[in-house]
């Protein structure tokens, strides 16, 4: 039996074959981006007010392996 839940808009299946923290890390690598202008990692907050997706910034977040993309505040 497996338990299904959702995180970052992607379905996560726990149980046999679920690799726990590795699945969360893979999901974060897909969603979190790195801004070279302000040297911070960021993600669009999908749960903010409608039509106002604000970026959420992370302090001391590893940027290795993240997609390099300029954040909305630096554009």
PDB file of N, CA and C in Angstrom:
ATOM      1  N   UNK A   1       0.842  -1.179   0.000  1.00  0.00           N
ATOM      2  CA  UNK A   1       0.000   0.000   0.000  1.00  0.00           C
ATOM      3  C   UNK A   1       0.885   1.239   0.000  1.00  0.00           C
ATOM      4  N   UNK A   2       0.482   2.272  -0.703  1.00  0.00           N
ATOM      5  CA  UNK A   2       1.253   3.508  -0.747  1.00  0.00           C
ATOM      6  C   UNK A   2       0.345   4.690  -0.422  1.00  0.00           C
ATOM      7  N   UNK A   3       0.929   5.718   0.135  1.00  0.00           N
ATOM      8  CA  UNK A   3       0.210   6.935   0.472  1.00  0.00           C
ATOM      9  C   UNK A   3       0.599   7.994  -0.549  1.00  0.00           C
ATOM     10  N   UNK A   4      -0.385   8.649  -1.115  1.00  0.00           N
ATOM     11  CA  UNK A   4      -0.115   9.665  -2.129  1.00  0.00           C
ATOM     12  C   UNK A   4      -0.320  11.048  -1.522  1.00  0.00           C
ATOM     13  N   UNK A   5       0.601  11.948  -1.803  1.00  0.00           N
ATOM     14  CA  UNK A   5       0.449  13.340  -1.402  1.00  0.00           C
ATOM     15  C   UNK A   5       1.098  14.223  -2.457  1.00  0.00           C
ATOM     16  N   UNK A   6       0.940  15.520  -2.304  1.00  0.00           N
ATOM     17  CA  UNK A   6       1.414  16.463  -3.306  1.00  0.00           C
ATOM     18  C   UNK A   6       2.378  17.447  -2.681  1.00  0.00           C
ATOM     19  N   UNK A   7       3.468  17.760  -3.399  1.00  0.00           N
ATOM     20  CA  UNK A   7       4.413  18.764  -2.954  1.00  0.00           C
ATOM     21  C   UNK A   7       4.952  19.483  -4.175  1.00  0.00           C
ATOM     22  N   UNK A   8       4.966  20.795  -4.149  1.00  0.00           N
ATOM     23  CA  UNK A   8       5.417  21.631  -5.260  1.00  0.00           C
ATOM     24  C   UNK A   8       4.661  21.309  -6.540  1.00  0.00           C
ATOM     25  N   UNK A   9       3.402  20.924  -6.430  1.00  0.00           N
ATOM     26  CA  UNK A   9       2.601  20.651  -7.601  1.00  0.00           C
ATOM     27  C   UNK A   9       2.879  19.318  -8.260  1.00  0.00           C
ATOM     28  N   UNK A  10       3.751  18.493  -7.677  1.00  0.00           N
ATOM     29  CA  UNK A  10       4.065  17.182  -8.238  1.00  0.00           C
ATOM     30  C   UNK A  10       3.642  16.100  -7.248  1.00  0.00           C
ATOM     31  N   UNK A  11       3.170  15.019  -7.776  1.00  0.00           N
ATOM     32  CA  UNK A  11       2.709  13.934  -6.933  1.00  0.00           C
ATOM     33  C   UNK A  11       3.898  13.163  -6.370  1.00  0.00           C
ATOM     34  N   UNK A  12       3.891  12.954  -5.060  1.00  0.00           N
ATOM     35  CA  UNK A  12       4.932  12.195  -4.379  1.00  0.00           C
ATOM     36  C   UNK A  12       4.273  10.930  -3.829  1.00  0.00           C
ATOM     37  N   UNK A  13       4.843   9.792  -4.122  1.00  0.00           N
ATOM     38  CA  UNK A  13       4.289   8.533  -3.634  1.00  0.00           C
ATOM     39  C   UNK A  13       5.234   7.978  -2.583  1.00  0.00           C
ATOM     40  N   UNK A  14       4.684   7.749  -1.396  1.00  0.00           N
ATOM     41  CA  UNK A  14       5.514   7.177  -0.342  1.00  0.00           C
ATOM     42  C   UNK A  14       5.180   5.698  -0.215  1.00  0.00           C
ATOM     43  N   UNK A  15       6.130   4.948   0.224  1.00  0.00           N
ATOM     44  CA  UNK A  15       5.968   3.501   0.335  1.00  0.00           C
ATOM     45  C   UNK A  15       7.109   2.825  -0.370  1.00  0.00           C
ATOM     46  N   UNK A  16       6.855   1.676  -0.940  1.00  0.00           N
ATOM     47  CA  UNK A  16       7.898   0.940  -1.639  1.00  0.00           C
ATOM     48  C   UNK A  16       8.400   1.735  -2.836  1.00  0.00           C
ATOM     49  N   UNK A  17       9.712   1.933  -2.918  1.00  0.00           N
ATOM     50  CA  UNK A  17      10.304   2.657  -4.024  1.00  0.00           C
ATOM     51  C   UNK A  17      10.404   4.154  -3.812  1.00  0.00           C
ATOM     52  N   UNK A  18       9.874   4.650  -2.710  1.00  0.00           N
ATOM     53  CA  UNK A  18       9.946   6.077  -2.407  1.00  0.00           C
ATOM     54  C   UNK A  18      11.262   6.348  -1.701  1.00  0.00           C
ATOM     55  N   UNK A  19      12.043   7.305  -2.207  1.00  0.00           N
ATOM     56  CA  UNK A  19      13.354   7.541  -1.619  1.00  0.00           C
ATOM     57  C   UNK A  19      13.399   8.771  -0.720  1.00  0.00           C
ATOM     58  N   UNK A  20      12.262   9.198  -0.197  1.00  0.00           N
ATOM     59  CA  UNK A  20      12.166  10.219   0.840  1.00  0.00           C
ATOM     60  C   UNK A  20      12.875  11.517   0.528  1.00  0.00           C
ATOM     61  N   UNK A  21      13.907  11.856   1.311  1.00  0.00           N
ATOM     62  CA  UNK A  21      14.584  13.138   1.133  1.00  0.00           C
ATOM     63  C   UNK A  21      15.176  13.338  -0.266  1.00  0.00           C
ATOM     64  N   UNK A  22      15.569  12.262  -0.922  1.00  0.00           N
ATOM     65  CA  UNK A  22      16.111  12.401  -2.276  1.00  0.00           C
ATOM     66  C   UNK A  22      15.039  12.908  -3.235  1.00  0.00           C
ATOM     67  N   UNK A  23      13.801  12.453  -3.052  1.00  0.00           N
ATOM     68  CA  UNK A  23      12.705  12.922  -3.905  1.00  0.00           C
ATOM     69  C   UNK A  23      12.444  14.400  -3.658  1.00  0.00           C
ATOM     70  N   UNK A  24      12.520  14.838  -2.406  1.00  0.00           N
ATOM     71  CA  UNK A  24      12.331  16.248  -2.080  1.00  0.00           C
ATOM     72  C   UNK A  24      13.453  17.083  -2.683  1.00  0.00           C
ATOM     73  N   UNK A  25      14.677  16.592  -2.640  1.00  0.00           N
ATOM     74  CA  UNK A  25      15.819  17.317  -3.198  1.00  0.00           C
ATOM     75  C   UNK A  25      15.694  17.434  -4.712  1.00  0.00           C
ATOM     76  N   UNK A  26      15.243  16.382  -5.362  1.00  0.00           N
ATOM     77  CA  UNK A  26      15.070  16.426  -6.817  1.00  0.00           C
ATOM     78  C   UNK A  26      13.990  17.426  -7.200  1.00  0.00           C
ATOM     79  N   UNK A  27      12.920  17.466  -6.407  1.00  0.00           N
ATOM     80  CA  UNK A  27      11.843  18.413  -6.656  1.00  0.00           C
ATOM     81  C   UNK A  27      12.339  19.846  -6.468  1.00  0.00           C
ATOM     82  N   UNK A  28      13.146  20.087  -5.441  1.00  0.00           N
ATOM     83  CA  UNK A  28      13.694  21.422  -5.192  1.00  0.00           C
ATOM     84  C   UNK A  28      14.639  21.829  -6.309  1.00  0.00           C
ATOM     85  N   UNK A  29      15.435  20.909  -6.823  1.00  0.00           N
ATOM     86  CA  UNK A  29      16.357  21.230  -7.914  1.00  0.00           C
ATOM     87  C   UNK A  29      15.605  21.681  -9.156  1.00  0.00           C
ATOM     88  N   UNK A  30      14.410  21.175  -9.360  1.00  0.00           N
ATOM     89  CA  UNK A  30      13.622  21.560 -10.524  1.00  0.00           C
ATOM     90  C   UNK A  30      12.965  22.921 -10.336  1.00  0.00           C
ATOM     91  N   UNK A  31      12.568  23.257  -9.108  1.00  0.00           N
ATOM     92  CA  UNK A  31      11.795  24.472  -8.845  1.00  0.00           C
ATOM     93  C   UNK A  31      12.645  25.670  -8.447  1.00  0.00           C
ATOM     94  N   UNK A  32      13.692  25.462  -7.658  1.00  0.00           N
ATOM     95  CA  UNK A  32      14.511  26.561  -7.143  1.00  0.00           C
ATOM     96  C   UNK A  32      15.496  27.005  -8.212  1.00  0.00           C
ATOM     97  N   UNK A  33      15.616  28.322  -8.381  1.00  0.00           N
ATOM     98  CA  UNK A  33      16.526  28.894  -9.371  1.00  0.00           C
ATOM     99  C   UNK A  33      17.549  29.778  -8.664  1.00  0.00           C
ATOM    100  N   UNK A  34      18.647  30.064  -9.350  1.00  0.00           N
ATOM    101  CA  UNK A  34      19.708  30.906  -8.802  1.00  0.00           C
ATOM    102  C   UNK A  34      19.816  32.178  -9.622  1.00  0.00           C
ATOM    103  N   UNK A  35      19.805  33.334  -8.944  1.00  0.00           N
ATOM    104  CA  UNK A  35      19.942  34.628  -9.616  1.00  0.00           C
ATOM    105  C   UNK A  35      21.393  35.079  -9.519  1.00  0.00           C
ATOM    106  N   UNK A  36      22.083  35.260 -10.657  1.00  0.00           N
ATOM    107  CA  UNK A  36      23.481  35.693 -10.617  1.00  0.00           C
ATOM    108  C   UNK A  36      23.640  37.169 -10.246  1.00  0.00           C
ATOM    109  N   UNK A  37      22.590  37.968 -10.396  1.00  0.00           N
ATOM    110  CA  UNK A  37      22.685  39.396 -10.084  1.00  0.00           C
ATOM    111  C   UNK A  37      22.682  39.663  -8.580  1.00  0.00           C
ATOM    112  N   UNK A  38      21.792  39.001  -7.849  1.00  0.00           N
ATOM    113  CA  UNK A  38      21.722  39.226  -6.396  1.00  0.00           C
ATOM    114  C   UNK A  38      22.344  38.069  -5.605  1.00  0.00           C
ATOM    115  N   UNK A  39      22.855  37.059  -6.295  1.00  0.00           N
ATOM    116  CA  UNK A  39      23.533  35.905  -5.674  1.00  0.00           C
ATOM    117  C   UNK A  39      22.661  35.191  -4.648  1.00  0.00           C
ATOM    118  N   UNK A  40      21.390  35.007  -4.987  1.00  0.00           N
ATOM    119  CA  UNK A  40      20.474  34.298  -4.093  1.00  0.00           C
ATOM    120  C   UNK A  40      19.675  33.256  -4.869  1.00  0.00           C
ATOM    121  N   UNK A  41      19.243  32.235  -4.159  1.00  0.00           N
ATOM    122  CA  UNK A  41      18.334  31.251  -4.739  1.00  0.00           C
ATOM    123  C   UNK A  41      16.917  31.732  -4.483  1.00  0.00           C
ATOM    124  N   UNK A  42      16.023  31.431  -5.417  1.00  0.00           N
ATOM    125  CA  UNK A  42      14.651  31.902  -5.293  1.00  0.00           C
ATOM    126  C   UNK A  42      13.682  30.922  -5.937  1.00  0.00           C
ATOM    127  N   UNK A  43      12.428  31.054  -5.550  1.00  0.00           N
ATOM    128  CA  UNK A  43      11.347  30.247  -6.108  1.00  0.00           C
ATOM    129  C   UNK A  43      10.108  31.121  -6.156  1.00  0.00           C
ATOM    130  N   UNK A  44       9.266  30.933  -7.157  1.00  0.00           N
ATOM    131  CA  UNK A  44       8.017  31.678  -7.206  1.00  0.00           C
ATOM    132  C   UNK A  44       7.040  31.070  -6.219  1.00  0.00           C
ATOM    133  N   UNK A  45       6.466  31.899  -5.377  1.00  0.00           N
ATOM    134  CA  UNK A  45       5.502  31.439  -4.388  1.00  0.00           C
ATOM    135  C   UNK A  45       4.165  31.220  -5.084  1.00  0.00           C
ATOM    136  N   UNK A  46       3.795  29.974  -5.252  1.00  0.00           N
ATOM    137  CA  UNK A  46       2.568  29.624  -5.976  1.00  0.00           C
ATOM    138  C   UNK A  46       1.316  29.839  -5.131  1.00  0.00           C
ATOM    139  N   UNK A  47       1.492  30.075  -3.837  1.00  0.00           N
ATOM    140  CA  UNK A  47       0.342  30.180  -2.943  1.00  0.00           C
ATOM    141  C   UNK A  47       0.081  31.619  -2.507  1.00  0.00           C
ATOM    142  N   UNK A  48       0.693  32.604  -3.192  1.00  0.00           N
ATOM    143  CA  UNK A  48       0.436  34.002  -2.876  1.00  0.00           C
ATOM    144  C   UNK A  48      -0.884  34.423  -3.523  1.00  0.00           C
ATOM    145  N   UNK A  49      -1.216  35.681  -3.378  1.00  0.00           N
ATOM    146  CA  UNK A  49      -2.470  36.175  -3.942  1.00  0.00           C
ATOM    147  C   UNK A  49      -2.550  35.869  -5.435  1.00  0.00           C
ATOM    148  N   UNK A  50      -3.753  35.644  -5.941  1.00  0.00           N
ATOM    149  CA  UNK A  50      -3.892  35.335  -7.373  1.00  0.00           C
ATOM    150  C   UNK A  50      -3.306  36.441  -8.241  1.00  0.00           C
ATOM    151  N   UNK A  51      -2.644  36.051  -9.287  1.00  0.00           N
ATOM    152  CA  UNK A  51      -2.029  36.940 -10.270  1.00  0.00           C
ATOM    153  C   UNK A  51      -0.907  37.786  -9.681  1.00  0.00           C
ATOM    154  N   UNK A  52      -0.418  37.430  -8.512  1.00  0.00           N
ATOM    155  CA  UNK A  52       0.680  38.175  -7.901  1.00  0.00           C
ATOM    156  C   UNK A  52       1.660  37.169  -7.313  1.00  0.00           C
ATOM    157  N   UNK A  53       2.294  36.405  -8.165  1.00  0.00           N
ATOM    158  CA  UNK A  53       3.247  35.393  -7.717  1.00  0.00           C
ATOM    159  C   UNK A  53       4.547  36.080  -7.315  1.00  0.00           C
ATOM    160  N   UNK A  54       4.747  36.204  -6.020  1.00  0.00           N
ATOM    161  CA  UNK A  54       5.932  36.853  -5.474  1.00  0.00           C
ATOM    162  C   UNK A  54       7.070  35.848  -5.352  1.00  0.00           C
ATOM    163  N   UNK A  55       8.297  36.258  -5.662  1.00  0.00           N
ATOM    164  CA  UNK A  55       9.429  35.347  -5.462  1.00  0.00           C
ATOM    165  C   UNK A  55       9.756  35.230  -3.976  1.00  0.00           C
ATOM    166  N   UNK A  56      10.132  34.038  -3.583  1.00  0.00           N
ATOM    167  CA  UNK A  56      10.559  33.780  -2.208  1.00  0.00           C
ATOM    168  C   UNK A  56      12.061  33.501  -2.269  1.00  0.00           C
ATOM    169  N   UNK A  57      12.829  34.221  -1.467  1.00  0.00           N
ATOM    170  CA  UNK A  57      14.282  34.110  -1.505  1.00  0.00           C
ATOM    171  C   UNK A  57      14.795  33.271  -0.344  1.00  0.00           C
ATOM    172  N   UNK A  58      15.875  32.543  -0.588  1.00  0.00           N
ATOM    173  CA  UNK A  58      16.496  31.703   0.426  1.00  0.00           C
ATOM    174  C   UNK A  58      17.868  32.263   0.794  1.00  0.00           C
ATOM    175  N   UNK A  59      18.167  32.298   2.072  1.00  0.00           N
ATOM    176  CA  UNK A  59      19.460  32.769   2.560  1.00  0.00           C
ATOM    177  C   UNK A  59      20.328  31.549   2.821  1.00  0.00           C
ATOM    178  N   UNK A  60      21.583  31.591   2.403  1.00  0.00           N
ATOM    179  CA  UNK A  60      22.534  30.489   2.598  1.00  0.00           C
ATOM    180  C   UNK A  60      22.016  29.176   2.030  1.00  0.00           C
ATOM    181  N   UNK A  61      21.443  29.233   0.835  1.00  0.00           N
ATOM    182  CA  UNK A  61      20.917  28.049   0.160  1.00  0.00           C
ATOM    183  C   UNK A  61      21.931  27.628  -0.891  1.00  0.00           C
ATOM    184  N   UNK A  62      22.272  26.353  -0.999  1.00  0.00           N
ATOM    185  CA  UNK A  62      23.271  25.937  -1.996  1.00  0.00           C
ATOM    186  C   UNK A  62      22.757  26.159  -3.415  1.00  0.00           C
ATOM    187  N   UNK A  63      23.603  26.764  -4.237  1.00  0.00           N
ATOM    188  CA  UNK A  63      23.204  27.069  -5.604  1.00  0.00           C
ATOM    189  C   UNK A  63      23.706  26.035  -6.608  1.00  0.00           C
ATOM    190  N   UNK A  64      24.474  25.074  -6.132  1.00  0.00           N
ATOM    191  CA  UNK A  64      25.034  24.052  -7.017  1.00  0.00           C
ATOM    192  C   UNK A  64      23.921  23.228  -7.650  1.00  0.00           C
ATOM    193  N   UNK A  65      23.916  23.142  -8.953  1.00  0.00           N
ATOM    194  CA  UNK A  65      22.938  22.335  -9.676  1.00  0.00           C
ATOM    195  C   UNK A  65      21.620  23.034  -9.938  1.00  0.00           C
ATOM    196  N   UNK A  66      21.497  24.289  -9.548  1.00  0.00           N
ATOM    197  CA  UNK A  66      20.252  25.015  -9.771  1.00  0.00           C
ATOM    198  C   UNK A  66      20.310  25.719 -11.117  1.00  0.00           C
ATOM    199  N   UNK A  67      19.149  25.903 -11.721  1.00  0.00           N
ATOM    200  CA  UNK A  67      19.047  26.615 -12.993  1.00  0.00           C
ATOM    201  C   UNK A  67      19.367  28.081 -12.751  1.00  0.00           C
ATOM    202  N   UNK A  68      20.219  28.682 -13.576  1.00  0.00           N
ATOM    203  CA  UNK A  68      20.585  30.088 -13.443  1.00  0.00           C
ATOM    204  C   UNK A  68      19.562  30.924 -14.217  1.00  0.00           C
ATOM    205  N   UNK A  69      18.845  31.772 -13.477  1.00  0.00           N
ATOM    206  CA  UNK A  69      17.819  32.620 -14.087  1.00  0.00           C
ATOM    207  C   UNK A  69      17.680  33.870 -13.237  1.00  0.00           C
ATOM    208  N   UNK A  70      17.638  35.025 -13.873  1.00  0.00           N
ATOM    209  CA  UNK A  70      17.504  36.285 -13.155  1.00  0.00           C
ATOM    210  C   UNK A  70      16.129  36.369 -12.498  1.00  0.00           C
ATOM    211  N   UNK A  71      16.116  36.768 -11.237  1.00  0.00           N
ATOM    212  CA  UNK A  71      14.857  36.832 -10.489  1.00  0.00           C
ATOM    213  C   UNK A  71      14.021  38.038 -10.936  1.00  0.00           C
ATOM    214  N   UNK A  72      12.725  38.043 -10.649  1.00  0.00           N
ATOM    215  CA  UNK A  72      11.856  39.150 -11.081  1.00  0.00           C
ATOM    216  C   UNK A  72      12.259  40.505 -10.514  1.00  0.00           C
ATOM    217  N   UNK A  73      12.825  40.551  -9.306  1.00  0.00           N
ATOM    218  CA  UNK A  73      13.199  41.836  -8.714  1.00  0.00           C
ATOM    219  C   UNK A  73      14.444  42.422  -9.381  1.00  0.00           C
ATOM    220  N   UNK A  74      15.302  41.596  -9.940  1.00  0.00           N
ATOM    221  CA  UNK A  74      16.520  42.086 -10.599  1.00  0.00           C
ATOM    222  C   UNK A  74      16.307  42.403 -12.081  1.00  0.00           C
ATOM    223  N   UNK A  75      15.207  42.005 -12.645  1.00  0.00           N
ATOM    224  CA  UNK A  75      14.946  42.259 -14.077  1.00  0.00           C
ATOM    225  C   UNK A  75      14.717  43.711 -14.352  1.00  0.00           C
TER     226      UNK A  75
END
